[in-house]
């Protein structure tokens, strides 16, 4: 799907989110990257093969008294 130079990382690579955005819909909370990856505002992802990755939110620090 990527037609520019240098090419973007494929959807299966660890740095897949570094691909360029080709469409964005902030009102719906998602963007499409040129490698076919859908990235959601909650940090979840939909890969081109249908697999999903859940949100990767930071876990709160535990408070000890």
PDB file of N, CA and C in Angstrom:
ATOM      1  N   UNK A   1       0.815  -1.176   0.000  1.00  0.00           N
ATOM      2  CA  UNK A   1       0.000   0.000   0.000  1.00  0.00           C
ATOM      3  C   UNK A   1       0.876   1.264   0.000  1.00  0.00           C
ATOM      4  N   UNK A   2       2.033   1.206   0.584  1.00  0.00           N
ATOM      5  CA  UNK A   2       2.937   2.348   0.695  1.00  0.00           C
ATOM      6  C   UNK A   2       3.619   2.593  -0.646  1.00  0.00           C
ATOM      7  N   UNK A   3       3.491   3.815  -1.168  1.00  0.00           N
ATOM      8  CA  UNK A   3       4.069   4.137  -2.466  1.00  0.00           C
ATOM      9  C   UNK A   3       5.096   5.257  -2.387  1.00  0.00           C
ATOM     10  N   UNK A   4       5.528   5.638  -1.212  1.00  0.00           N
ATOM     11  CA  UNK A   4       6.504   6.720  -1.101  1.00  0.00           C
ATOM     12  C   UNK A   4       7.851   6.177  -0.643  1.00  0.00           C
ATOM     13  N   UNK A   5       8.859   7.026  -0.737  1.00  0.00           N
ATOM     14  CA  UNK A   5      10.221   6.638  -0.358  1.00  0.00           C
ATOM     15  C   UNK A   5      10.663   7.475   0.827  1.00  0.00           C
ATOM     16  N   UNK A   6      11.293   6.937   1.800  1.00  0.00           N
ATOM     17  CA  UNK A   6      11.461   5.505   2.037  1.00  0.00           C
ATOM     18  C   UNK A   6      10.119   4.878   2.414  1.00  0.00           C
ATOM     19  N   UNK A   7      10.015   3.589   2.155  1.00  0.00           N
ATOM     20  CA  UNK A   7       8.754   2.915   2.441  1.00  0.00           C
ATOM     21  C   UNK A   7       8.518   2.824   3.934  1.00  0.00           C
ATOM     22  N   UNK A   8       7.275   2.778   4.290  1.00  0.00           N
ATOM     23  CA  UNK A   8       6.888   2.691   5.703  1.00  0.00           C
ATOM     24  C   UNK A   8       7.042   1.254   6.206  1.00  0.00           C
ATOM     25  N   UNK A   9       7.154   1.094   7.520  1.00  0.00           N
ATOM     26  CA  UNK A   9       7.261  -0.255   8.074  1.00  0.00           C
ATOM     27  C   UNK A   9       5.968  -1.037   7.825  1.00  0.00           C
ATOM     28  N   UNK A  10       6.087  -2.332   7.560  1.00  0.00           N
ATOM     29  CA  UNK A  10       4.887  -3.143   7.336  1.00  0.00           C
ATOM     30  C   UNK A  10       4.042  -3.255   8.606  1.00  0.00           C
ATOM     31  N   UNK A  11       2.788  -3.623   8.432  1.00  0.00           N
ATOM     32  CA  UNK A  11       1.846  -3.693   9.552  1.00  0.00           C
ATOM     33  C   UNK A  11       2.252  -4.732  10.595  1.00  0.00           C
ATOM     34  N   UNK A  12       3.067  -5.711  10.230  1.00  0.00           N
ATOM     35  CA  UNK A  12       3.474  -6.735  11.179  1.00  0.00           C
ATOM     36  C   UNK A  12       4.730  -6.406  11.970  1.00  0.00           C
ATOM     37  N   UNK A  13       5.360  -5.288  11.681  1.00  0.00           N
ATOM     38  CA  UNK A  13       6.615  -4.955  12.356  1.00  0.00           C
ATOM     39  C   UNK A  13       6.360  -4.197  13.662  1.00  0.00           C
ATOM     40  N   UNK A  14       7.303  -4.255  14.585  1.00  0.00           N
ATOM     41  CA  UNK A  14       7.126  -3.569  15.872  1.00  0.00           C
ATOM     42  C   UNK A  14       6.961  -2.054  15.746  1.00  0.00           C
ATOM     43  N   UNK A  15       7.530  -1.446  14.713  1.00  0.00           N
ATOM     44  CA  UNK A  15       7.428   0.006  14.544  1.00  0.00           C
ATOM     45  C   UNK A  15       6.340   0.399  13.541  1.00  0.00           C
ATOM     46  N   UNK A  16       5.307  -0.431  13.408  1.00  0.00           N
ATOM     47  CA  UNK A  16       4.249  -0.233  12.412  1.00  0.00           C
ATOM     48  C   UNK A  16       3.527   1.106  12.540  1.00  0.00           C
ATOM     49  N   UNK A  17       3.474   1.684  13.730  1.00  0.00           N
ATOM     50  CA  UNK A  17       2.783   2.959  13.922  1.00  0.00           C
ATOM     51  C   UNK A  17       3.544   4.140  13.336  1.00  0.00           C
ATOM     52  N   UNK A  18       4.764   3.925  12.858  1.00  0.00           N
ATOM     53  CA  UNK A  18       5.557   4.995  12.247  1.00  0.00           C
ATOM     54  C   UNK A  18       5.159   5.248  10.794  1.00  0.00           C
ATOM     55  N   UNK A  19       4.243   4.459  10.266  1.00  0.00           N
ATOM     56  CA  UNK A  19       3.788   4.651   8.887  1.00  0.00           C
ATOM     57  C   UNK A  19       3.026   5.968   8.761  1.00  0.00           C
ATOM     58  N   UNK A  20       2.972   6.488   7.551  1.00  0.00           N
ATOM     59  CA  UNK A  20       2.282   7.760   7.306  1.00  0.00           C
ATOM     60  C   UNK A  20       0.772   7.584   7.328  1.00  0.00           C
ATOM     61  N   UNK A  21       0.092   8.589   7.808  1.00  0.00           N
ATOM     62  CA  UNK A  21      -1.369   8.598   7.850  1.00  0.00           C
ATOM     63  C   UNK A  21      -1.906   8.939   6.466  1.00  0.00           C
ATOM     64  N   UNK A  22      -2.864   8.130   5.991  1.00  0.00           N
ATOM     65  CA  UNK A  22      -3.486   8.412   4.694  1.00  0.00           C
ATOM     66  C   UNK A  22      -4.922   8.897   4.853  1.00  0.00           C
ATOM     67  N   UNK A  23      -5.560   8.606   5.968  1.00  0.00           N
ATOM     68  CA  UNK A  23      -6.911   9.090   6.243  1.00  0.00           C
ATOM     69  C   UNK A  23      -7.073   9.215   7.750  1.00  0.00           C
ATOM     70  N   UNK A  24      -7.753  10.276   8.163  1.00  0.00           N
ATOM     71  CA  UNK A  24      -7.990  10.451   9.588  1.00  0.00           C
ATOM     72  C   UNK A  24      -9.428  10.884   9.806  1.00  0.00           C
ATOM     73  N   UNK A  25     -10.038  10.336  10.819  1.00  0.00           N
ATOM     74  CA  UNK A  25     -11.417  10.654  11.173  1.00  0.00           C
ATOM     75  C   UNK A  25     -11.490  10.891  12.680  1.00  0.00           C
ATOM     76  N   UNK A  26     -11.028  12.060  13.132  1.00  0.00           N
ATOM     77  CA  UNK A  26     -10.997  12.328  14.570  1.00  0.00           C
ATOM     78  C   UNK A  26     -12.380  12.300  15.216  1.00  0.00           C
ATOM     79  N   UNK A  27     -13.416  12.629  14.437  1.00  0.00           N
ATOM     80  CA  UNK A  27     -14.771  12.595  14.994  1.00  0.00           C
ATOM     81  C   UNK A  27     -15.203  11.167  15.306  1.00  0.00           C
ATOM     82  N   UNK A  28     -14.569  10.190  14.662  1.00  0.00           N
ATOM     83  CA  UNK A  28     -14.864   8.780  14.915  1.00  0.00           C
ATOM     84  C   UNK A  28     -13.770   8.109  15.727  1.00  0.00           C
ATOM     85  N   UNK A  29     -12.642   8.789  15.901  1.00  0.00           N
ATOM     86  CA  UNK A  29     -11.582   8.265  16.754  1.00  0.00           C
ATOM     87  C   UNK A  29     -10.623   7.288  16.104  1.00  0.00           C
ATOM     88  N   UNK A  30     -10.410   7.377  14.793  1.00  0.00           N
ATOM     89  CA  UNK A  30      -9.475   6.454  14.146  1.00  0.00           C
ATOM     90  C   UNK A  30      -8.751   7.119  12.989  1.00  0.00           C
ATOM     91  N   UNK A  31      -7.610   6.487  12.630  1.00  0.00           N
ATOM     92  CA  UNK A  31      -6.815   6.897  11.474  1.00  0.00           C
ATOM     93  C   UNK A  31      -6.366   5.651  10.728  1.00  0.00           C
ATOM     94  N   UNK A  32      -6.202   5.781   9.412  1.00  0.00           N
ATOM     95  CA  UNK A  32      -5.693   4.699   8.576  1.00  0.00           C
ATOM     96  C   UNK A  32      -4.281   5.058   8.161  1.00  0.00           C
ATOM     97  N   UNK A  33      -3.351   4.144   8.379  1.00  0.00           N
ATOM     98  CA  UNK A  33      -1.965   4.347   7.973  1.00  0.00           C
ATOM     99  C   UNK A  33      -1.717   3.675   6.635  1.00  0.00           C
ATOM    100  N   UNK A  34      -0.660   4.092   5.947  1.00  0.00           N
ATOM    101  CA  UNK A  34      -0.413   3.592   4.591  1.00  0.00           C
ATOM    102  C   UNK A  34      -0.058   2.101   4.562  1.00  0.00           C
ATOM    103  N   UNK A  35       0.257   1.503   5.693  1.00  0.00           N
ATOM    104  CA  UNK A  35       0.542   0.070   5.729  1.00  0.00           C
ATOM    105  C   UNK A  35      -0.721  -0.754   6.002  1.00  0.00           C
ATOM    106  N   UNK A  36      -1.894  -0.091   5.995  1.00  0.00           N
ATOM    107  CA  UNK A  36      -3.153  -0.802   6.176  1.00  0.00           C
ATOM    108  C   UNK A  36      -3.606  -0.909   7.619  1.00  0.00           C
ATOM    109  N   UNK A  37      -2.877  -0.321   8.520  1.00  0.00           N
ATOM    110  CA  UNK A  37      -3.175  -0.389   9.950  1.00  0.00           C
ATOM    111  C   UNK A  37      -4.180   0.692  10.324  1.00  0.00           C
ATOM    112  N   UNK A  38      -5.230   0.318  11.058  1.00  0.00           N
ATOM    113  CA  UNK A  38      -6.150   1.285  11.642  1.00  0.00           C
ATOM    114  C   UNK A  38      -5.698   1.521  13.072  1.00  0.00           C
ATOM    115  N   UNK A  39      -5.508   2.778  13.421  1.00  0.00           N
ATOM    116  CA  UNK A  39      -5.073   3.154  14.766  1.00  0.00           C
ATOM    117  C   UNK A  39      -6.215   3.938  15.404  1.00  0.00           C
ATOM    118  N   UNK A  40      -6.572   3.564  16.626  1.00  0.00           N
ATOM    119  CA  UNK A  40      -7.685   4.200  17.322  1.00  0.00           C
ATOM    120  C   UNK A  40      -7.175   5.124  18.423  1.00  0.00           C
ATOM    121  N   UNK A  41      -7.985   6.121  18.757  1.00  0.00           N
ATOM    122  CA  UNK A  41      -7.597   7.104  19.766  1.00  0.00           C
ATOM    123  C   UNK A  41      -7.290   6.481  21.124  1.00  0.00           C
ATOM    124  N   UNK A  42      -7.877   5.339  21.422  1.00  0.00           N
ATOM    125  CA  UNK A  42      -7.613   4.688  22.713  1.00  0.00           C
ATOM    126  C   UNK A  42      -6.337   3.850  22.680  1.00  0.00           C
ATOM    127  N   UNK A  43      -5.557   3.944  21.616  1.00  0.00           N
ATOM    128  CA  UNK A  43      -4.290   3.252  21.340  1.00  0.00           C
ATOM    129  C   UNK A  43      -4.471   1.805  20.889  1.00  0.00           C
ATOM    130  N   UNK A  44      -5.692   1.367  20.661  1.00  0.00           N
ATOM    131  CA  UNK A  44      -5.914   0.050  20.079  1.00  0.00           C
ATOM    132  C   UNK A  44      -5.625   0.093  18.578  1.00  0.00           C
ATOM    133  N   UNK A  45      -5.472  -1.088  17.977  1.00  0.00           N
ATOM    134  CA  UNK A  45      -5.148  -1.174  16.548  1.00  0.00           C
ATOM    135  C   UNK A  45      -5.914  -2.318  15.901  1.00  0.00           C
ATOM    136  N   UNK A  46      -6.220  -2.155  14.624  1.00  0.00           N
ATOM    137  CA  UNK A  46      -6.793  -3.204  13.795  1.00  0.00           C
ATOM    138  C   UNK A  46      -5.820  -3.436  12.660  1.00  0.00           C
ATOM    139  N   UNK A  47      -5.227  -4.635  12.622  1.00  0.00           N
ATOM    140  CA  UNK A  47      -4.250  -4.963  11.591  1.00  0.00           C
ATOM    141  C   UNK A  47      -4.956  -5.393  10.314  1.00  0.00           C
ATOM    142  N   UNK A  48      -4.284  -5.283   9.158  1.00  0.00           N
ATOM    143  CA  UNK A  48      -4.917  -5.635   7.882  1.00  0.00           C
ATOM    144  C   UNK A  48      -5.444  -7.064   7.822  1.00  0.00           C
ATOM    145  N   UNK A  49      -4.864  -7.983   8.590  1.00  0.00           N
ATOM    146  CA  UNK A  49      -5.330  -9.372   8.549  1.00  0.00           C
ATOM    147  C   UNK A  49      -6.493  -9.637   9.506  1.00  0.00           C
ATOM    148  N   UNK A  50      -7.004  -8.577  10.169  1.00  0.00           N
ATOM    149  CA  UNK A  50      -8.156  -8.714  11.056  1.00  0.00           C
ATOM    150  C   UNK A  50      -7.815  -8.865  12.525  1.00  0.00           C
ATOM    151  N   UNK A  51      -6.530  -9.063  12.835  1.00  0.00           N
ATOM    152  CA  UNK A  51      -6.155  -9.161  14.252  1.00  0.00           C
ATOM    153  C   UNK A  51      -6.289  -7.796  14.902  1.00  0.00           C
ATOM    154  N   UNK A  52      -6.544  -7.811  16.199  1.00  0.00           N
ATOM    155  CA  UNK A  52      -6.643  -6.564  16.940  1.00  0.00           C
ATOM    156  C   UNK A  52      -5.627  -6.545  18.070  1.00  0.00           C
ATOM    157  N   UNK A  53      -5.207  -5.367  18.435  1.00  0.00           N
ATOM    158  CA  UNK A  53      -4.403  -5.192  19.638  1.00  0.00           C
ATOM    159  C   UNK A  53      -5.187  -4.265  20.540  1.00  0.00           C
ATOM    160  N   UNK A  54      -5.257  -4.622  21.783  1.00  0.00           N
ATOM    161  CA  UNK A  54      -6.004  -3.819  22.732  1.00  0.00           C
ATOM    162  C   UNK A  54      -5.278  -2.530  23.062  1.00  0.00           C
ATOM    163  N   UNK A  55      -5.986  -1.624  23.702  1.00  0.00           N
ATOM    164  CA  UNK A  55      -5.366  -0.362  24.112  1.00  0.00           C
ATOM    165  C   UNK A  55      -4.162  -0.601  25.009  1.00  0.00           C
ATOM    166  N   UNK A  56      -3.158   0.239  24.841  1.00  0.00           N
ATOM    167  CA  UNK A  56      -1.943   0.144  25.656  1.00  0.00           C
ATOM    168  C   UNK A  56      -1.832   1.393  26.519  1.00  0.00           C
ATOM    169  N   UNK A  57      -2.738   1.505  27.439  1.00  0.00           N
ATOM    170  CA  UNK A  57      -2.738   2.650  28.335  1.00  0.00           C
ATOM    171  C   UNK A  57      -1.736   2.410  29.455  1.00  0.00           C
ATOM    172  N   UNK A  58      -1.122   3.460  29.936  1.00  0.00           N
ATOM    173  CA  UNK A  58      -0.207   3.286  31.073  1.00  0.00           C
ATOM    174  C   UNK A  58      -0.975   2.835  32.305  1.00  0.00           C
ATOM    175  N   UNK A  59      -0.365   1.961  33.074  1.00  0.00           N
ATOM    176  CA  UNK A  59      -1.003   1.526  34.311  1.00  0.00           C
ATOM    177  C   UNK A  59      -0.675   2.529  35.416  1.00  0.00           C
ATOM    178  N   UNK A  60      -1.663   2.832  36.243  1.00  0.00           N
ATOM    179  CA  UNK A  60      -1.411   3.811  37.299  1.00  0.00           C
ATOM    180  C   UNK A  60      -0.405   3.265  38.316  1.00  0.00           C
ATOM    181  N   UNK A  61       0.389   4.169  38.825  1.00  0.00           N
ATOM    182  CA  UNK A  61       1.362   3.780  39.849  1.00  0.00           C
ATOM    183  C   UNK A  61       0.619   3.395  41.117  1.00  0.00           C
ATOM    184  N   UNK A  62       1.078   2.358  41.813  1.00  0.00           N
ATOM    185  CA  UNK A  62       0.428   1.983  43.052  1.00  0.00           C
ATOM    186  C   UNK A  62       0.819   2.955  44.157  1.00  0.00           C
ATOM    187  N   UNK A  63      -0.175   3.236  44.942  1.00  0.00           N
ATOM    188  CA  UNK A  63       0.036   4.171  46.047  1.00  0.00           C
ATOM    189  C   UNK A  63       0.177   3.358  47.323  1.00  0.00           C
ATOM    190  N   UNK A  64       1.268   3.575  48.020  1.00  0.00           N
ATOM    191  CA  UNK A  64       1.466   2.885  49.287  1.00  0.00           C
ATOM    192  C   UNK A  64       1.409   3.932  50.407  1.00  0.00           C
ATOM    193  N   UNK A  65       0.778   3.528  51.475  1.00  0.00           N
ATOM    194  CA  UNK A  65       0.638   4.468  52.594  1.00  0.00           C
ATOM    195  C   UNK A  65       1.692   4.250  53.636  1.00  0.00           C
TER     196      UNK A  65
END
